[in-house]
Amino acid sequence: MRSKILTIVFLGIFFLGGCAVEGYRASKIRYQHRKWNDDTVRKIAARKVAPGMTGEMVKAALGLPDAISRDGDREEWGYAIQVGDYEPRKEFVYFVYFKYGVVVGTAGDRNKLTYVSWYD
C-alpha cells in the first residue's frame, strides 16, 4: 500500500515538473518578446511553427536552420538530423516556407528534430 502511494506521489511530481518546464520556456519567451501574443508564445514554447510567424519566431521555436535557400520573395529553411554511423551525413526532415518574410507553410516531420535554442 505504501509503495502505491509513493508511486502516485512520484508520478504527480513528475507530471507537474514537466508542466513547469514548459511554463518556464514560455515565460522566458514572453519576457524577451513582450509584443508577441499569448497564442504565439504557446506555439513557440511547444516548438510549433504556424503560418504568419516571422523568421525570428521560427528561430525561437526550432533554432537556426541548417540550410536557407532564396528565390525572389520566397525563402525555404531546412532543418536536418545526422544519420549514419560510419559516414554520418545530414538528412533534411523539416522545411519552413516563407514569402515576404512570413511563414506560408511547412513540410516534413518536426518530431524528428533535436533542438538547440537559447530559450531552453
PDB file of N, CA and C in Angstrom:
ATOM      1  N   MET A   1       0.821  -1.200   0.000  1.00  0.00           N
ATOM      2  CA  MET A   1       0.000   0.000   0.000  1.00  0.00           C
ATOM      3  C   MET A   1       0.865   1.264   0.000  1.00  0.00           C
ATOM      4  N   ARG A   2       1.892   1.221   0.828  1.00  0.00           N
ATOM      5  CA  ARG A   2       2.771   2.385   0.922  1.00  0.00           C
ATOM      6  C   ARG A   2       3.490   2.644  -0.403  1.00  0.00           C
ATOM      7  N   SER A   3       3.892   1.573  -1.107  1.00  0.00           N
ATOM      8  CA  SER A   3       4.581   1.747  -2.382  1.00  0.00           C
ATOM      9  C   SER A   3       3.650   2.341  -3.436  1.00  0.00           C
ATOM     10  N   LYS A   4       2.356   2.015  -3.369  1.00  0.00           N
ATOM     11  CA  LYS A   4       1.394   2.602  -4.307  1.00  0.00           C
ATOM     12  C   LYS A   4       1.269   4.105  -4.083  1.00  0.00           C
ATOM     13  N   ILE A   5       1.230   4.505  -2.833  1.00  0.00           N
ATOM     14  CA  ILE A   5       1.123   5.930  -2.508  1.00  0.00           C
ATOM     15  C   ILE A   5       2.371   6.674  -2.978  1.00  0.00           C
ATOM     16  N   LEU A   6       3.544   6.089  -2.723  1.00  0.00           N
ATOM     17  CA  LEU A   6       4.787   6.715  -3.165  1.00  0.00           C
ATOM     18  C   LEU A   6       4.849   6.820  -4.686  1.00  0.00           C
ATOM     19  N   THR A   7       4.375   5.794  -5.369  1.00  0.00           N
ATOM     20  CA  THR A   7       4.348   5.820  -6.833  1.00  0.00           C
ATOM     21  C   THR A   7       3.441   6.927  -7.335  1.00  0.00           C
ATOM     22  N   ILE A   8       2.273   7.061  -6.747  1.00  0.00           N
ATOM     23  CA  ILE A   8       1.326   8.104  -7.154  1.00  0.00           C
ATOM     24  C   ILE A   8       1.913   9.486  -6.898  1.00  0.00           C
ATOM     25  N   VAL A   9       2.540   9.676  -5.746  1.00  0.00           N
ATOM     26  CA  VAL A   9       3.162  10.963  -5.419  1.00  0.00           C
ATOM     27  C   VAL A   9       4.287  11.269  -6.407  1.00  0.00           C
ATOM     28  N   PHE A  10       5.130  10.274  -6.686  1.00  0.00           N
ATOM     29  CA  PHE A  10       6.240  10.461  -7.623  1.00  0.00           C
ATOM     30  C   PHE A  10       5.728  10.828  -9.013  1.00  0.00           C
ATOM     31  N   LEU A  11       4.717  10.112  -9.500  1.00  0.00           N
ATOM     32  CA  LEU A  11       4.165  10.412 -10.826  1.00  0.00           C
ATOM     33  C   LEU A  11       3.545  11.811 -10.863  1.00  0.00           C
ATOM     34  N   GLY A  12       2.899  12.206  -9.777  1.00  0.00           N
ATOM     35  CA  GLY A  12       2.328  13.544  -9.711  1.00  0.00           C
ATOM     36  C   GLY A  12       3.389  14.622  -9.785  1.00  0.00           C
ATOM     37  N   ILE A  13       4.484  14.420  -9.051  1.00  0.00           N
ATOM     38  CA  ILE A  13       5.592  15.380  -9.079  1.00  0.00           C
ATOM     39  C   ILE A  13       6.218  15.419 -10.462  1.00  0.00           C
ATOM     40  N   PHE A  14       6.405  14.240 -11.069  1.00  0.00           N
ATOM     41  CA  PHE A  14       6.996  14.158 -12.409  1.00  0.00           C
ATOM     42  C   PHE A  14       6.121  14.902 -13.419  1.00  0.00           C
ATOM     43  N   PHE A  15       4.800  14.693 -13.360  1.00  0.00           N
ATOM     44  CA  PHE A  15       3.882  15.357 -14.285  1.00  0.00           C
ATOM     45  C   PHE A  15       3.911  16.867 -14.093  1.00  0.00           C
ATOM     46  N   LEU A  16       3.842  17.319 -12.867  1.00  0.00           N
ATOM     47  CA  LEU A  16       3.860  18.757 -12.599  1.00  0.00           C
ATOM     48  C   LEU A  16       5.193  19.374 -12.984  1.00  0.00           C
ATOM     49  N   GLY A  17       6.274  18.645 -12.806  1.00  0.00           N
ATOM     50  CA  GLY A  17       7.594  19.135 -13.211  1.00  0.00           C
ATOM     51  C   GLY A  17       7.661  19.369 -14.704  1.00  0.00           C
ATOM     52  N   GLY A  18       7.075  18.471 -15.492  1.00  0.00           N
ATOM     53  CA  GLY A  18       7.037  18.636 -16.945  1.00  0.00           C
ATOM     54  C   GLY A  18       6.261  19.872 -17.341  1.00  0.00           C
ATOM     55  N   CYS A  19       5.155  20.123 -16.680  1.00  0.00           N
ATOM     56  CA  CYS A  19       4.367  21.328 -16.961  1.00  0.00           C
ATOM     57  C   CYS A  19       5.151  22.582 -16.594  1.00  0.00           C
ATOM     58  N   ALA A  20       5.896  22.506 -15.503  1.00  0.00           N
ATOM     59  CA  ALA A  20       6.663  23.672 -15.064  1.00  0.00           C
ATOM     60  C   ALA A  20       7.746  24.025 -16.074  1.00  0.00           C
ATOM     61  N   VAL A  21       8.379  23.002 -16.665  1.00  0.00           N
ATOM     62  CA  VAL A  21       9.418  23.274 -17.654  1.00  0.00           C
ATOM     63  C   VAL A  21       8.824  23.991 -18.851  1.00  0.00           C
ATOM     64  N   GLU A  22       7.676  23.524 -19.354  1.00  0.00           N
ATOM     65  CA  GLU A  22       7.028  24.171 -20.491  1.00  0.00           C
ATOM     66  C   GLU A  22       6.645  25.602 -20.116  1.00  0.00           C
ATOM     67  N   GLY A  23       6.147  25.797 -18.913  1.00  0.00           N
ATOM     68  CA  GLY A  23       5.798  27.128 -18.461  1.00  0.00           C
ATOM     69  C   GLY A  23       7.006  28.035 -18.342  1.00  0.00           C
ATOM     70  N   TYR A  24       8.127  27.468 -17.917  1.00  0.00           N
ATOM     71  CA  TYR A  24       9.356  28.250 -17.798  1.00  0.00           C
ATOM     72  C   TYR A  24       9.829  28.710 -19.169  1.00  0.00           C
ATOM     73  N   ARG A  25       9.809  27.824 -20.148  1.00  0.00           N
ATOM     74  CA  ARG A  25      10.214  28.172 -21.510  1.00  0.00           C
ATOM     75  C   ARG A  25       9.307  29.278 -22.054  1.00  0.00           C
ATOM     76  N   ALA A  26       8.006  29.138 -21.852  1.00  0.00           N
ATOM     77  CA  ALA A  26       7.060  30.151 -22.330  1.00  0.00           C
ATOM     78  C   ALA A  26       7.296  31.487 -21.628  1.00  0.00           C
ATOM     79  N   SER A  27       7.584  31.449 -20.334  1.00  0.00           N
ATOM     80  CA  SER A  27       7.788  32.718 -19.613  1.00  0.00           C
ATOM     81  C   SER A  27       9.062  33.420 -20.096  1.00  0.00           C
ATOM     82  N   LYS A  28      10.109  32.655 -20.424  1.00  0.00           N
ATOM     83  CA  LYS A  28      11.326  33.271 -20.961  1.00  0.00           C
ATOM     84  C   LYS A  28      11.055  33.909 -22.321  1.00  0.00           C
ATOM     85  N   ILE A  29      10.315  33.210 -23.157  1.00  0.00           N
ATOM     86  CA  ILE A  29       9.989  33.747 -24.479  1.00  0.00           C
ATOM     87  C   ILE A  29       9.136  35.000 -24.328  1.00  0.00           C
ATOM     88  N   ARG A  30       8.139  34.941 -23.467  1.00  0.00           N
ATOM     89  CA  ARG A  30       7.244  36.081 -23.248  1.00  0.00           C
ATOM     90  C   ARG A  30       8.017  37.293 -22.723  1.00  0.00           C
ATOM     91  N   TYR A  31       8.975  37.047 -21.824  1.00  0.00           N
ATOM     92  CA  TYR A  31       9.766  38.132 -21.253  1.00  0.00           C
ATOM     93  C   TYR A  31      10.629  38.800 -22.323  1.00  0.00           C
ATOM     94  N   GLN A  32      11.230  38.016 -23.204  1.00  0.00           N
ATOM     95  CA  GLN A  32      12.124  38.567 -24.215  1.00  0.00           C
ATOM     96  C   GLN A  32      11.389  39.158 -25.417  1.00  0.00           C
ATOM     97  N   HIS A  33      10.148  38.768 -25.614  1.00  0.00           N
ATOM     98  CA  HIS A  33       9.368  39.246 -26.764  1.00  0.00           C
ATOM     99  C   HIS A  33       7.971  39.657 -26.289  1.00  0.00           C
ATOM    100  N   ARG A  34       7.905  40.759 -25.611  1.00  0.00           N
ATOM    101  CA  ARG A  34       6.658  41.210 -24.990  1.00  0.00           C
ATOM    102  C   ARG A  34       5.555  41.534 -25.997  1.00  0.00           C
ATOM    103  N   LYS A  35       5.911  41.809 -27.249  1.00  0.00           N
ATOM    104  CA  LYS A  35       4.896  42.161 -28.250  1.00  0.00           C
ATOM    105  C   LYS A  35       4.212  40.934 -28.848  1.00  0.00           C
ATOM    106  N   TRP A  36       4.788  39.750 -28.652  1.00  0.00           N
ATOM    107  CA  TRP A  36       4.173  38.535 -29.196  1.00  0.00           C
ATOM    108  C   TRP A  36       2.966  38.159 -28.350  1.00  0.00           C
ATOM    109  N   ASN A  37       1.861  37.787 -28.996  1.00  0.00           N
ATOM    110  CA  ASN A  37       0.656  37.442 -28.244  1.00  0.00           C
ATOM    111  C   ASN A  37       0.797  36.074 -27.578  1.00  0.00           C
ATOM    112  N   ASP A  38      -0.090  35.785 -26.630  1.00  0.00           N
ATOM    113  CA  ASP A  38      -0.005  34.558 -25.836  1.00  0.00           C
ATOM    114  C   ASP A  38      -0.120  33.298 -26.684  1.00  0.00           C
ATOM    115  N   ASP A  39      -0.972  33.310 -27.693  1.00  0.00           N
ATOM    116  CA  ASP A  39      -1.134  32.138 -28.559  1.00  0.00           C
ATOM    117  C   ASP A  39       0.173  31.828 -29.287  1.00  0.00           C
ATOM    118  N   THR A  40       0.824  32.851 -29.802  1.00  0.00           N
ATOM    119  CA  THR A  40       2.102  32.679 -30.494  1.00  0.00           C
ATOM    120  C   THR A  40       3.170  32.163 -29.534  1.00  0.00           C
ATOM    121  N   VAL A  41       3.229  32.719 -28.340  1.00  0.00           N
ATOM    122  CA  VAL A  41       4.214  32.283 -27.343  1.00  0.00           C
ATOM    123  C   VAL A  41       3.994  30.813 -26.996  1.00  0.00           C
ATOM    124  N   ARG A  42       2.744  30.387 -26.825  1.00  0.00           N
ATOM    125  CA  ARG A  42       2.459  28.980 -26.514  1.00  0.00           C
ATOM    126  C   ARG A  42       2.908  28.063 -27.642  1.00  0.00           C
ATOM    127  N   LYS A  43       2.658  28.472 -28.892  1.00  0.00           N
ATOM    128  CA  LYS A  43       3.089  27.659 -30.036  1.00  0.00           C
ATOM    129  C   LYS A  43       4.610  27.545 -30.076  1.00  0.00           C
ATOM    130  N   ILE A  44       5.287  28.658 -29.884  1.00  0.00           N
ATOM    131  CA  ILE A  44       6.748  28.658 -29.918  1.00  0.00           C
ATOM    132  C   ILE A  44       7.304  27.812 -28.775  1.00  0.00           C
ATOM    133  N   ALA A  45       6.734  27.936 -27.585  1.00  0.00           N
ATOM    134  CA  ALA A  45       7.196  27.143 -26.446  1.00  0.00           C
ATOM    135  C   ALA A  45       7.014  25.649 -26.713  1.00  0.00           C
ATOM    136  N   ALA A  46       5.991  25.285 -27.483  1.00  0.00           N
ATOM    137  CA  ALA A  46       5.753  23.882 -27.843  1.00  0.00           C
ATOM    138  C   ALA A  46       6.515  23.483 -29.101  1.00  0.00           C
ATOM    139  N   ARG A  47       7.342  24.399 -29.610  1.00  0.00           N
ATOM    140  CA  ARG A  47       8.169  24.186 -30.806  1.00  0.00           C
ATOM    141  C   ARG A  47       7.333  23.938 -32.063  1.00  0.00           C
ATOM    142  N   LYS A  48       6.234  24.659 -32.162  1.00  0.00           N
ATOM    143  CA  LYS A  48       5.375  24.563 -33.336  1.00  0.00           C
ATOM    144  C   LYS A  48       5.531  25.814 -34.189  1.00  0.00           C
ATOM    145  N   VAL A  49       5.422  25.626 -35.502  1.00  0.00           N
ATOM    146  CA  VAL A  49       5.510  26.734 -36.454  1.00  0.00           C
ATOM    147  C   VAL A  49       4.164  26.826 -37.164  1.00  0.00           C
ATOM    148  N   ALA A  50       3.677  28.052 -37.324  1.00  0.00           N
ATOM    149  CA  ALA A  50       2.372  28.260 -37.955  1.00  0.00           C
ATOM    150  C   ALA A  50       2.464  29.383 -38.985  1.00  0.00           C
ATOM    151  N   PRO A  51       1.594  29.333 -39.995  1.00  0.00           N
ATOM    152  CA  PRO A  51       1.552  30.423 -40.971  1.00  0.00           C
ATOM    153  C   PRO A  51       1.374  31.768 -40.274  1.00  0.00           C
ATOM    154  N   GLY A  52       2.078  32.763 -40.792  1.00  0.00           N
ATOM    155  CA  GLY A  52       2.020  34.103 -40.226  1.00  0.00           C
ATOM    156  C   GLY A  52       3.173  34.428 -39.297  1.00  0.00           C
ATOM    157  N   MET A  53       3.915  33.409 -38.864  1.00  0.00           N
ATOM    158  CA  MET A  53       5.062  33.662 -37.987  1.00  0.00           C
ATOM    159  C   MET A  53       6.205  34.278 -38.782  1.00  0.00           C
ATOM    160  N   THR A  54       7.061  35.006 -38.081  1.00  0.00           N
ATOM    161  CA  THR A  54       8.246  35.616 -38.684  1.00  0.00           C
ATOM    162  C   THR A  54       9.446  34.678 -38.519  1.00  0.00           C
ATOM    163  N   GLY A  55      10.540  35.010 -39.178  1.00  0.00           N
ATOM    164  CA  GLY A  55      11.765  34.237 -39.030  1.00  0.00           C
ATOM    165  C   GLY A  55      12.263  34.215 -37.595  1.00  0.00           C
ATOM    166  N   GLU A  56      12.133  35.325 -36.906  1.00  0.00           N
ATOM    167  CA  GLU A  56      12.555  35.388 -35.510  1.00  0.00           C
ATOM    168  C   GLU A  56      11.745  34.416 -34.653  1.00  0.00           C
ATOM    169  N   MET A  57      10.465  34.303 -34.931  1.00  0.00           N
ATOM    170  CA  MET A  57       9.611  33.371 -34.195  1.00  0.00           C
ATOM    171  C   MET A  57       9.995  31.924 -34.493  1.00  0.00           C
ATOM    172  N   VAL A  58      10.292  31.633 -35.744  1.00  0.00           N
ATOM    173  CA  VAL A  58      10.696  30.275 -36.121  1.00  0.00           C
ATOM    174  C   VAL A  58      12.014  29.916 -35.451  1.00  0.00           C
ATOM    175  N   LYS A  59      12.963  30.853 -35.411  1.00  0.00           N
ATOM    176  CA  LYS A  59      14.231  30.597 -34.724  1.00  0.00           C
ATOM    177  C   LYS A  59      13.996  30.320 -33.243  1.00  0.00           C
ATOM    178  N   ALA A  60      13.067  31.045 -32.635  1.00  0.00           N
ATOM    179  CA  ALA A  60      12.762  30.823 -31.221  1.00  0.00           C
ATOM    180  C   ALA A  60      12.147  29.439 -31.014  1.00  0.00           C
ATOM    181  N   ALA A  61      11.374  28.972 -31.967  1.00  0.00           N
ATOM    182  CA  ALA A  61      10.719  27.669 -31.847  1.00  0.00           C
ATOM    183  C   ALA A  61      11.666  26.519 -32.157  1.00  0.00           C
ATOM    184  N   LEU A  62      12.425  26.624 -33.242  1.00  0.00           N
ATOM    185  CA  LEU A  62      13.199  25.490 -33.748  1.00  0.00           C
ATOM    186  C   LEU A  62      14.709  25.673 -33.702  1.00  0.00           C
ATOM    187  N   GLY A  63      15.176  26.877 -33.484  1.00  0.00           N
ATOM    188  CA  GLY A  63      16.604  27.144 -33.556  1.00  0.00           C
ATOM    189  C   GLY A  63      16.991  27.575 -34.959  1.00  0.00           C
ATOM    190  N   LEU A  64      18.279  27.714 -35.192  1.00  0.00           N
ATOM    191  CA  LEU A  64      18.765  28.141 -36.501  1.00  0.00           C
ATOM    192  C   LEU A  64      18.603  27.015 -37.521  1.00  0.00           C
ATOM    193  N   PRO A  65      18.252  27.342 -38.758  1.00  0.00           N
ATOM    194  CA  PRO A  65      18.127  26.290 -39.779  1.00  0.00           C
ATOM    195  C   PRO A  65      19.493  25.787 -40.210  1.00  0.00           C
ATOM    196  N   ASP A  66      19.507  24.592 -40.791  1.00  0.00           N
ATOM    197  CA  ASP A  66      20.745  24.019 -41.312  1.00  0.00           C
ATOM    198  C   ASP A  66      21.027  24.500 -42.724  1.00  0.00           C
ATOM    199  N   ALA A  67      20.015  24.959 -43.417  1.00  0.00           N
ATOM    200  CA  ALA A  67      20.192  25.489 -44.770  1.00  0.00           C
ATOM    201  C   ALA A  67      19.075  26.483 -45.070  1.00  0.00           C
ATOM    202  N   ILE A  68      19.427  27.501 -45.854  1.00  0.00           N
ATOM    203  CA  ILE A  68      18.453  28.501 -46.304  1.00  0.00           C
ATOM    204  C   ILE A  68      18.619  28.660 -47.806  1.00  0.00           C
ATOM    205  N   SER A  69      17.509  28.613 -48.521  1.00  0.00           N
ATOM    206  CA  SER A  69      17.574  28.901 -49.959  1.00  0.00           C
ATOM    207  C   SER A  69      16.562  29.998 -50.268  1.00  0.00           C
ATOM    208  N   ARG A  70      16.944  30.875 -51.204  1.00  0.00           N
ATOM    209  CA  ARG A  70      16.097  32.013 -51.568  1.00  0.00           C
ATOM    210  C   ARG A  70      15.854  32.011 -53.059  1.00  0.00           C
ATOM    211  N   ASP A  71      14.650  32.432 -53.406  1.00  0.00           N
ATOM    212  CA  ASP A  71      14.287  32.597 -54.811  1.00  0.00           C
ATOM    213  C   ASP A  71      13.311  33.767 -54.882  1.00  0.00           C
ATOM    214  N   GLY A  72      13.829  34.946 -55.169  1.00  0.00           N
ATOM    215  CA  GLY A  72      12.988  36.141 -55.218  1.00  0.00           C
ATOM    216  C   GLY A  72      12.439  36.465 -53.843  1.00  0.00           C
ATOM    217  N   ASP A  73      11.125  36.527 -53.729  1.00  0.00           N
ATOM    218  CA  ASP A  73      10.477  36.864 -52.458  1.00  0.00           C
ATOM    219  C   ASP A  73      10.181  35.613 -51.620  1.00  0.00           C
ATOM    220  N   ARG A  74      10.620  34.455 -52.083  1.00  0.00           N
ATOM    221  CA  ARG A  74      10.391  33.200 -51.362  1.00  0.00           C
ATOM    222  C   ARG A  74      11.679  32.721 -50.705  1.00  0.00           C
ATOM    223  N   GLU A  75      11.496  32.068 -49.568  1.00  0.00           N
ATOM    224  CA  GLU A  75      12.638  31.543 -48.824  1.00  0.00           C
ATOM    225  C   GLU A  75      12.248  30.196 -48.234  1.00  0.00           C
ATOM    226  N   GLU A  76      13.213  29.278 -48.182  1.00  0.00           N
ATOM    227  CA  GLU A  76      12.980  27.956 -47.606  1.00  0.00           C
ATOM    228  C   GLU A  76      14.060  27.678 -46.568  1.00  0.00           C
ATOM    229  N   TRP A  77      13.647  27.336 -45.354  1.00  0.00           N
ATOM    230  CA  TRP A  77      14.576  26.953 -44.303  1.00  0.00           C
ATOM    231  C   TRP A  77      14.491  25.451 -44.133  1.00  0.00           C
ATOM    232  N   GLY A  78      15.641  24.783 -44.150  1.00  0.00           N
ATOM    233  CA  GLY A  78      15.691  23.342 -43.966  1.00  0.00           C
ATOM    234  C   GLY A  78      16.334  22.973 -42.644  1.00  0.00           C
ATOM    235  N   TYR A  79      15.713  22.020 -41.957  1.00  0.00           N
ATOM    236  CA  TYR A  79      16.224  21.510 -40.687  1.00  0.00           C
ATOM    237  C   TYR A  79      16.594  20.049 -40.883  1.00  0.00           C
ATOM    238  N   ALA A  80      17.804  19.682 -40.446  1.00  0.00           N
ATOM    239  CA  ALA A  80      18.330  18.348 -40.710  1.00  0.00           C
ATOM    240  C   ALA A  80      18.687  17.618 -39.422  1.00  0.00           C
ATOM    241  N   ILE A  81      18.810  16.301 -39.563  1.00  0.00           N
ATOM    242  CA  ILE A  81      19.317  15.456 -38.488  1.00  0.00           C
ATOM    243  C   ILE A  81      20.538  14.712 -39.013  1.00  0.00           C
ATOM    244  N   GLN A  82      21.392  14.260 -38.120  1.00  0.00           N
ATOM    245  CA  GLN A  82      22.553  13.460 -38.509  1.00  0.00           C
ATOM    246  C   GLN A  82      22.117  12.007 -38.616  1.00  0.00           C
ATOM    247  N   VAL A  83      22.443  11.350 -39.710  1.00  0.00           N
ATOM    248  CA  VAL A  83      22.151   9.928 -39.883  1.00  0.00           C
ATOM    249  C   VAL A  83      23.423   9.214 -40.311  1.00  0.00           C
ATOM    250  N   GLY A  84      23.494   7.930 -40.002  1.00  0.00           N
ATOM    251  CA  GLY A  84      24.643   7.122 -40.379  1.00  0.00           C
ATOM    252  C   GLY A  84      25.713   7.128 -39.321  1.00  0.00           C
ATOM    253  N   ASP A  85      26.313   5.973 -39.105  1.00  0.00           N
ATOM    254  CA  ASP A  85      27.369   5.849 -38.104  1.00  0.00           C
ATOM    255  C   ASP A  85      28.761   5.930 -38.721  1.00  0.00           C
ATOM    256  N   TYR A  86      28.986   5.173 -39.769  1.00  0.00           N
ATOM    257  CA  TYR A  86      30.320   5.109 -40.358  1.00  0.00           C
ATOM    258  C   TYR A  86      30.645   6.389 -41.129  1.00  0.00           C
ATOM    259  N   GLU A  87      29.727   6.828 -41.961  1.00  0.00           N
ATOM    260  CA  GLU A  87      29.881   8.078 -42.707  1.00  0.00           C
ATOM    261  C   GLU A  87      28.651   8.951 -42.448  1.00  0.00           C
ATOM    262  N   PRO A  88      28.640   9.662 -41.312  1.00  0.00           N
ATOM    263  CA  PRO A  88      27.458  10.464 -40.982  1.00  0.00           C
ATOM    264  C   PRO A  88      27.201  11.558 -42.010  1.00  0.00           C
ATOM    265  N   ARG A  89      25.936  11.815 -42.223  1.00  0.00           N
ATOM    266  CA  ARG A  89      25.526  12.859 -43.160  1.00  0.00           C
ATOM    267  C   ARG A  89      24.249  13.511 -42.632  1.00  0.00           C
ATOM    268  N   LYS A  90      23.958  14.689 -43.163  1.00  0.00           N
ATOM    269  CA  LYS A  90      22.724  15.387 -42.784  1.00  0.00           C
ATOM    270  C   LYS A  90      21.578  14.910 -43.661  1.00  0.00           C
ATOM    271  N   GLU A  91      20.451  14.689 -43.032  1.00  0.00           N
ATOM    272  CA  GLU A  91      19.231  14.355 -43.766  1.00  0.00           C
ATOM    273  C   GLU A  91      18.174  15.383 -43.378  1.00  0.00           C
ATOM    274  N   PHE A  92      17.675  16.104 -44.358  1.00  0.00           N
ATOM    275  CA  PHE A  92      16.674  17.132 -44.080  1.00  0.00           C
ATOM    276  C   PHE A  92      15.323  16.480 -43.828  1.00  0.00           C
ATOM    277  N   VAL A  93      14.713  16.852 -42.696  1.00  0.00           N
ATOM    278  CA  VAL A  93      13.461  16.227 -42.288  1.00  0.00           C
ATOM    279  C   VAL A  93      12.321  17.223 -42.111  1.00  0.00           C
ATOM    280  N   TYR A  94      12.637  18.524 -42.088  1.00  0.00           N
ATOM    281  CA  TYR A  94      11.589  19.521 -41.866  1.00  0.00           C
ATOM    282  C   TYR A  94      11.944  20.799 -42.618  1.00  0.00           C
ATOM    283  N   PHE A  95      10.941  21.410 -43.241  1.00  0.00           N
ATOM    284  CA  PHE A  95      11.130  22.614 -44.031  1.00  0.00           C
ATOM    285  C   PHE A  95      10.093  23.658 -43.640  1.00  0.00           C
ATOM    286  N   VAL A  96      10.532  24.908 -43.607  1.00  0.00           N
ATOM    287  CA  VAL A  96       9.637  26.041 -43.345  1.00  0.00           C
ATOM    288  C   VAL A  96       9.723  26.954 -44.557  1.00  0.00           C
ATOM    289  N   TYR A  97       8.563  27.319 -45.105  1.00  0.00           N
ATOM    290  CA  TYR A  97       8.494  28.141 -46.311  1.00  0.00           C
ATOM    291  C   TYR A  97       7.991  29.535 -45.962  1.00  0.00           C
ATOM    292  N   PHE A  98       8.708  30.533 -46.468  1.00  0.00           N
ATOM    293  CA  PHE A  98       8.383  31.936 -46.226  1.00  0.00           C
ATOM    294  C   PHE A  98       8.066  32.631 -47.543  1.00  0.00           C
ATOM    295  N   LYS A  99       7.223  33.632 -47.461  1.00  0.00           N
ATOM    296  CA  LYS A  99       7.019  34.564 -48.565  1.00  0.00           C
ATOM    297  C   LYS A  99       6.937  35.945 -47.934  1.00  0.00           C
ATOM    298  N   TYR A 100       7.774  36.851 -48.443  1.00  0.00           N
ATOM    299  CA  TYR A 100       7.886  38.206 -47.884  1.00  0.00           C
ATOM    300  C   TYR A 100       8.208  38.173 -46.383  1.00  0.00           C
ATOM    301  N   GLY A 101       9.006  37.197 -45.948  1.00  0.00           N
ATOM    302  CA  GLY A 101       9.454  37.133 -44.564  1.00  0.00           C
ATOM    303  C   GLY A 101       8.467  36.553 -43.574  1.00  0.00           C
ATOM    304  N   VAL A 102       7.367  35.977 -44.069  1.00  0.00           N
ATOM    305  CA  VAL A 102       6.342  35.415 -43.194  1.00  0.00           C
ATOM    306  C   VAL A 102       6.102  33.953 -43.583  1.00  0.00           C
ATOM    307  N   VAL A 103       5.931  33.084 -42.585  1.00  0.00           N
ATOM    308  CA  VAL A 103       5.700  31.663 -42.859  1.00  0.00           C
ATOM    309  C   VAL A 103       4.395  31.478 -43.624  1.00  0.00           C
ATOM    310  N   VAL A 104       4.490  30.719 -44.735  1.00  0.00           N
ATOM    311  CA  VAL A 104       3.298  30.384 -45.521  1.00  0.00           C
ATOM    312  C   VAL A 104       3.010  28.887 -45.491  1.00  0.00           C
ATOM    313  N   GLY A 105       3.960  28.093 -44.978  1.00  0.00           N
ATOM    314  CA  GLY A 105       3.731  26.659 -44.893  1.00  0.00           C
ATOM    315  C   GLY A 105       4.938  25.911 -44.359  1.00  0.00           C
ATOM    316  N   THR A 106       4.722  24.633 -44.070  1.00  0.00           N
ATOM    317  CA  THR A 106       5.787  23.754 -43.593  1.00  0.00           C
ATOM    318  C   THR A 106       5.619  22.387 -44.246  1.00  0.00           C
ATOM    319  N   ALA A 107       6.673  21.588 -44.194  1.00  0.00           N
ATOM    320  CA  ALA A 107       6.612  20.220 -44.707  1.00  0.00           C
ATOM    321  C   ALA A 107       7.599  19.371 -43.928  1.00  0.00           C
ATOM    322  N   GLY A 108       7.313  18.098 -43.796  1.00  0.00           N
ATOM    323  CA  GLY A 108       8.221  17.179 -43.129  1.00  0.00           C
ATOM    324  C   GLY A 108       7.759  16.827 -41.735  1.00  0.00           C
ATOM    325  N   ASP A 109       8.657  16.209 -40.979  1.00  0.00           N
ATOM    326  CA  ASP A 109       8.344  15.710 -39.639  1.00  0.00           C
ATOM    327  C   ASP A 109       9.150  16.462 -38.586  1.00  0.00           C
ATOM    328  N   ARG A 110       8.524  17.433 -37.961  1.00  0.00           N
ATOM    329  CA  ARG A 110       9.159  18.258 -36.931  1.00  0.00           C
ATOM    330  C   ARG A 110       9.575  17.420 -35.722  1.00  0.00           C
ATOM    331  N   ASN A 111       8.881  16.312 -35.470  1.00  0.00           N
ATOM    332  CA  ASN A 111       9.160  15.494 -34.293  1.00  0.00           C
ATOM    333  C   ASN A 111      10.500  14.761 -34.370  1.00  0.00           C
ATOM    334  N   LYS A 112      11.110  14.691 -35.533  1.00  0.00           N
ATOM    335  CA  LYS A 112      12.414  14.044 -35.666  1.00  0.00           C
ATOM    336  C   LYS A 112      13.563  14.958 -35.243  1.00  0.00           C
ATOM    337  N   LEU A 113      13.292  16.227 -35.077  1.00  0.00           N
ATOM    338  CA  LEU A 113      14.348  17.195 -34.779  1.00  0.00           C
ATOM    339  C   LEU A 113      14.764  17.141 -33.313  1.00  0.00           C
ATOM    340  N   THR A 114      16.044  17.419 -33.085  1.00  0.00           N
ATOM    341  CA  THR A 114      16.527  17.699 -31.739  1.00  0.00           C
ATOM    342  C   THR A 114      16.773  19.198 -31.688  1.00  0.00           C
ATOM    343  N   TYR A 115      16.523  19.810 -30.560  1.00  0.00           N
ATOM    344  CA  TYR A 115      16.504  21.262 -30.509  1.00  0.00           C
ATOM    345  C   TYR A 115      17.656  21.838 -29.711  1.00  0.00           C
ATOM    346  N   VAL A 116      18.202  22.928 -30.255  1.00  0.00           N
ATOM    347  CA  VAL A 116      19.158  23.755 -29.546  1.00  0.00           C
ATOM    348  C   VAL A 116      18.653  25.169 -29.698  1.00  0.00           C
ATOM    349  N   SER A 117      18.155  25.725 -28.597  1.00  0.00           N
ATOM    350  CA  SER A 117      17.566  27.055 -28.646  1.00  0.00           C
ATOM    351  C   SER A 117      18.028  27.848 -27.445  1.00  0.00           C
ATOM    352  N   TRP A 118      18.133  29.142 -27.604  1.00  0.00           N
ATOM    353  CA  TRP A 118      18.576  29.989 -26.495  1.00  0.00           C
ATOM    354  C   TRP A 118      17.483  30.167 -25.452  1.00  0.00           C
ATOM    355  N   TYR A 119      16.300  29.558 -25.646  1.00  0.00           N
ATOM    356  CA  TYR A 119      15.215  29.673 -24.680  1.00  0.00           C
ATOM    357  C   TYR A 119      15.138  28.468 -23.744  1.00  0.00           C
ATOM    358  N   ASP A 120      15.996  27.484 -23.926  1.00  0.00           N
ATOM    359  CA  ASP A 120      15.924  26.276 -23.081  1.00  0.00           C
ATOM    360  C   ASP A 120      16.655  26.465 -21.782  1.00  0.00           C
TER     361      ASP A 120
END
